[in-house]
Amino acid sequence: GINFEENTDEYELETSLLLPRLRTCSSAGDVTRMLHQTFMECFSPVAALTAAYANIGAEIWELRVTFQESAQH
């Protein structure tokens, strides 16, 4: 819900930074901190506080765990 279907590549840079860093995360909290750090690098000082990334961090972590589990079967 952040690209509004108009600029589908608008966050391509951020995605290219986030995906490799995701491999280093071992929890939803790690993902949340990594998201915040990346957005601070890209958008500082307008990036929100770390807590604002908690829901998306948890969702990304859940997707990663699900993907890893499906890849093992």
C-alpha atoms as a PDB file:
ATOM      1  CA  GLY A   1       0.000   0.000   0.000  1.00  0.00           C
ATOM      2  CA  ILE A   2       2.892   2.433  -0.332  1.00  0.00           C
ATOM      3  CA  ASN A   3       3.381   2.627  -4.091  1.00  0.00           C
ATOM      4  CA  PHE A   4      -0.304   3.125  -4.968  1.00  0.00           C
ATOM      5  CA  GLU A   5       0.108   1.014  -8.152  1.00  0.00           C
ATOM      6  CA  GLU A   6       1.590   3.980 -10.057  1.00  0.00           C
ATOM      7  CA  ASN A   7       5.342   3.695  -9.508  1.00  0.00           C
ATOM      8  CA  THR A   8       5.910  -0.030  -9.258  1.00  0.00           C
ATOM      9  CA  ASP A   9       9.709   0.437  -9.200  1.00  0.00           C
ATOM     10  CA  GLU A  10       9.689   3.386  -6.797  1.00  0.00           C
ATOM     11  CA  TYR A  11      11.289   1.373  -3.972  1.00  0.00           C
ATOM     12  CA  GLU A  12      13.656  -0.681  -6.139  1.00  0.00           C
ATOM     13  CA  LEU A  13      16.753   0.865  -4.516  1.00  0.00           C
ATOM     14  CA  GLU A  14      15.495   0.162  -1.014  1.00  0.00           C
ATOM     15  CA  THR A  15      14.568  -3.398  -1.969  1.00  0.00           C
ATOM     16  CA  SER A  16      18.050  -3.985  -3.386  1.00  0.00           C
ATOM     17  CA  LEU A  17      19.483  -2.866  -0.038  1.00  0.00           C
ATOM     18  CA  LEU A  18      17.001  -4.781   2.130  1.00  0.00           C
ATOM     19  CA  LEU A  19      17.080  -8.230   0.549  1.00  0.00           C
ATOM     20  CA  PRO A  20      20.785  -8.990   1.130  1.00  0.00           C
ATOM     21  CA  ARG A  21      20.523  -7.673   4.697  1.00  0.00           C
ATOM     22  CA  LEU A  22      17.532  -9.908   5.366  1.00  0.00           C
ATOM     23  CA  ARG A  23      19.850 -12.917   5.261  1.00  0.00           C
ATOM     24  CA  THR A  24      21.588 -11.646   8.393  1.00  0.00           C
ATOM     25  CA  CYS A  25      18.376 -11.403  10.432  1.00  0.00           C
ATOM     26  CA  SER A  26      17.461 -14.075  12.943  1.00  0.00           C
ATOM     27  CA  SER A  27      14.205 -12.652  14.317  1.00  0.00           C
ATOM     28  CA  ALA A  28      11.356 -10.250  13.606  1.00  0.00           C
ATOM     29  CA  GLY A  29      13.134  -7.735  15.836  1.00  0.00           C
ATOM     30  CA  ASP A  30      16.247  -7.976  13.670  1.00  0.00           C
ATOM     31  CA  VAL A  31      14.140  -7.354  10.564  1.00  0.00           C
ATOM     32  CA  THR A  32      12.489  -4.341  12.217  1.00  0.00           C
ATOM     33  CA  ARG A  33      15.870  -2.845  13.130  1.00  0.00           C
ATOM     34  CA  MET A  34      17.246  -3.554   9.652  1.00  0.00           C
ATOM     35  CA  LEU A  35      14.223  -1.900   8.014  1.00  0.00           C
ATOM     36  CA  HIS A  36      14.598   1.176  10.198  1.00  0.00           C
ATOM     37  CA  GLN A  37      18.331   1.410   9.546  1.00  0.00           C
ATOM     38  CA  THR A  38      17.851   1.104   5.788  1.00  0.00           C
ATOM     39  CA  PHE A  39      15.082   3.693   5.694  1.00  0.00           C
ATOM     40  CA  MET A  40      17.181   6.036   7.834  1.00  0.00           C
ATOM     41  CA  GLU A  41      19.979   5.690   5.277  1.00  0.00           C
ATOM     42  CA  CYS A  42      17.629   6.327   2.367  1.00  0.00           C
ATOM     43  CA  PHE A  43      15.193   8.879   3.781  1.00  0.00           C
ATOM     44  CA  SER A  44      16.712  10.388   6.933  1.00  0.00           C
ATOM     45  CA  PRO A  45      15.568  12.478   8.698  1.00  0.00           C
ATOM     46  CA  VAL A  46      12.006  11.675   7.628  1.00  0.00           C
ATOM     47  CA  ALA A  47      12.153   7.971   8.517  1.00  0.00           C
ATOM     48  CA  ALA A  48       9.815   7.088  11.358  1.00  0.00           C
ATOM     49  CA  LEU A  49      10.854   5.719  14.731  1.00  0.00           C
ATOM     50  CA  THR A  50      11.854   2.057  14.894  1.00  0.00           C
ATOM     51  CA  ALA A  51       8.502   1.040  16.411  1.00  0.00           C
ATOM     52  CA  ALA A  52       6.732   2.145  13.240  1.00  0.00           C
ATOM     53  CA  TYR A  53       8.421  -0.725  11.398  1.00  0.00           C
ATOM     54  CA  ALA A  54       7.408  -3.467  13.855  1.00  0.00           C
ATOM     55  CA  ASN A  55       4.340  -4.714  11.960  1.00  0.00           C
ATOM     56  CA  ILE A  56       6.063  -4.924   8.590  1.00  0.00           C
ATOM     57  CA  GLY A  57       9.160  -6.414  10.223  1.00  0.00           C
ATOM     58  CA  ALA A  58       7.031  -9.172  11.765  1.00  0.00           C
ATOM     59  CA  GLU A  59       5.238  -9.780   8.471  1.00  0.00           C
ATOM     60  CA  ILE A  60       8.498 -10.012   6.500  1.00  0.00           C
ATOM     61  CA  TRP A  61       9.958 -12.350   9.127  1.00  0.00           C
ATOM     62  CA  GLU A  62       6.889 -14.596   8.938  1.00  0.00           C
ATOM     63  CA  LEU A  63       7.156 -14.734   5.140  1.00  0.00           C
ATOM     64  CA  ARG A  64      10.862 -15.560   5.367  1.00  0.00           C
ATOM     65  CA  VAL A  65      10.258 -18.391   7.850  1.00  0.00           C
ATOM     66  CA  THR A  66       7.424 -19.782   5.706  1.00  0.00           C
ATOM     67  CA  PHE A  67       9.640 -19.652   2.608  1.00  0.00           C
ATOM     68  CA  GLN A  68      12.518 -21.391   4.393  1.00  0.00           C
ATOM     69  CA  GLU A  69      10.216 -24.124   5.694  1.00  0.00           C
ATOM     70  CA  SER A  70       8.728 -24.731   2.251  1.00  0.00           C
ATOM     71  CA  ALA A  71      12.199 -24.881   0.702  1.00  0.00           C
ATOM     72  CA  GLN A  72      13.194 -27.647   3.139  1.00  0.00           C
ATOM     73  CA  HIS A  73      10.327 -29.916   2.063  1.00  0.00           C
END
